[in-house]
Protein backbone atom coordinates (compact mmCIF):
# COMPACT_ATOMS: atom_id res chain seq x y z
CA MET A 1 12.18 20.19 -4.86
CA SER A 2 12.39 16.77 -6.45
CA HIS A 3 9.38 14.49 -6.52
CA SER A 4 9.13 10.76 -5.91
CA ASP A 5 7.91 8.32 -8.51
CA ALA A 6 6.05 6.15 -5.98
CA ILE A 7 5.54 5.39 -2.32
CA VAL A 8 6.48 1.85 -1.37
CA PHE A 9 5.63 0.39 2.02
CA PHE A 10 6.29 -3.07 3.34
CA GLY A 11 3.91 -5.12 5.45
CA ALA A 12 0.83 -3.96 3.56
CA ALA A 13 -1.25 -6.78 5.02
CA GLY A 14 -0.09 -6.17 8.58
CA ASP A 15 -1.31 -4.32 11.64
CA LEU A 16 0.90 -1.25 11.19
CA ALA A 17 -0.52 -0.65 7.72
CA TYR A 18 -4.05 -1.17 9.03
CA ASN A 19 -3.70 1.02 12.11
CA GLN A 20 -1.40 3.77 10.83
CA ILE A 21 -0.44 3.79 7.16
CA PHE A 22 -3.78 3.49 5.36
CA PRO A 23 -5.47 6.15 7.55
CA ALA A 24 -2.48 8.48 7.10
CA LEU A 25 -2.61 8.23 3.30
CA GLN A 26 -6.17 9.53 2.88
CA ALA A 27 -5.47 13.12 4.04
CA PRO A 28 -2.71 13.96 1.51
CA VAL A 29 -4.83 12.47 -1.27
CA GLU A 30 -7.76 14.58 -0.10
CA ARG A 31 -5.54 17.71 -0.15
CA HIS A 32 -4.32 16.89 -3.69
CA ILE A 33 -0.69 16.59 -2.59
CA LEU A 34 -0.38 12.86 -3.17
CA ASP A 35 -0.88 11.67 -6.73
CA ILE A 36 1.75 9.00 -7.26
CA PRO A 37 1.41 5.20 -7.14
CA ILE A 38 1.28 3.70 -3.64
CA ILE A 39 2.79 0.23 -3.69
CA GLY A 40 2.07 -2.11 -0.81
CA VAL A 41 4.44 -5.07 -0.46
CA ALA A 42 3.24 -8.10 1.48
CA LYS A 43 3.74 -11.82 1.86
CA ALA A 44 -0.02 -12.35 1.92
CA ARG A 45 -1.42 -13.61 -1.36
CA TRP A 46 -4.16 -11.01 -1.53
CA THR A 47 -5.65 -9.67 -4.71
CA LEU A 48 -5.60 -5.95 -5.31
CA ASP A 49 -9.33 -5.87 -4.51
CA GLN A 50 -8.68 -7.54 -1.15
CA LEU A 51 -5.96 -5.02 -0.34
CA ARG A 52 -8.25 -2.14 -1.27
CA ALA A 53 -11.02 -3.61 0.91
CA ARG A 54 -8.59 -3.86 3.83
CA ALA A 55 -7.52 -0.24 3.27
CA ARG A 56 -11.18 0.85 3.23
CA GLN A 57 -11.92 -1.01 6.48
CA SER A 58 -8.87 0.62 8.05
CA VAL A 59 -9.80 4.14 7.00
CA ALA A 60 -13.43 3.62 8.06
CA GLN A 61 -12.37 2.44 11.51
CA HIS A 62 -9.68 5.03 12.18
CA CYS A 63 -10.67 8.29 10.51
CA GLY A 64 -13.80 7.91 8.41
CA VAL A 65 -14.02 7.41 4.69
CA ASP A 66 -14.12 10.47 2.45
CA GLU A 67 -15.59 8.80 -0.65
CA VAL A 68 -13.90 11.08 -3.18
CA ALA A 69 -10.49 10.95 -1.50
CA PHE A 70 -10.68 7.23 -0.88
CA GLY A 71 -11.64 6.62 -4.50
CA LYS A 72 -8.45 8.41 -5.56
CA LEU A 73 -6.40 6.58 -2.92
CA SER A 74 -7.82 3.27 -4.07
CA ALA A 75 -6.91 4.07 -7.68
CA LEU A 76 -3.33 4.88 -6.64
CA LEU A 77 -2.95 1.72 -4.55
CA GLN A 78 -1.05 -1.18 -6.08
CA ARG A 79 0.22 -4.37 -4.54
CA ARG A 80 3.26 -6.57 -4.77
CA ILE A 81 3.38 -10.04 -3.32
CA THR A 82 6.67 -11.28 -2.00
CA VAL A 83 6.91 -14.93 -1.06
CA TRP A 84 10.25 -16.21 0.21
CA LYS A 85 10.78 -19.61 1.69
CA THR A 86 14.53 -19.59 2.29
CA ARG A 87 17.39 -17.10 2.41
CA SER A 88 18.83 -18.53 -0.81
CA GLU A 89 15.53 -17.83 -2.59
CA GLN A 90 15.62 -14.25 -1.28
CA HIS A 91 19.09 -13.86 -2.77
CA LEU A 92 17.98 -15.27 -6.13
CA VAL A 93 14.97 -12.93 -6.27
CA ARG A 94 17.18 -9.93 -5.52
CA GLU A 95 19.65 -10.90 -8.25
CA ARG A 96 16.90 -11.28 -10.86
CA ARG A 97 15.59 -7.79 -10.11
CA LEU A 98 19.02 -6.19 -10.54
């Protein structure tokens, strides 16, 4: 079985991440089956600490925080900010990354 290098999810500052994704990530970390970077992509200009705080609030509200597992999850969590104003700027960003 091949392994992934990272998990990337879009909308990291949104409701779906808050209600579903962050709570779902704690269990595999707790079971030691998730140990790769988790990259959240969002338009929001949050710092990594703000994203981690949002993830903690989400987990606390939806499934309860396991301090050890959440500490590992928090360490794996990274963020990417994507700010696009126009379609032409989206195209330019894509070209630069290729």
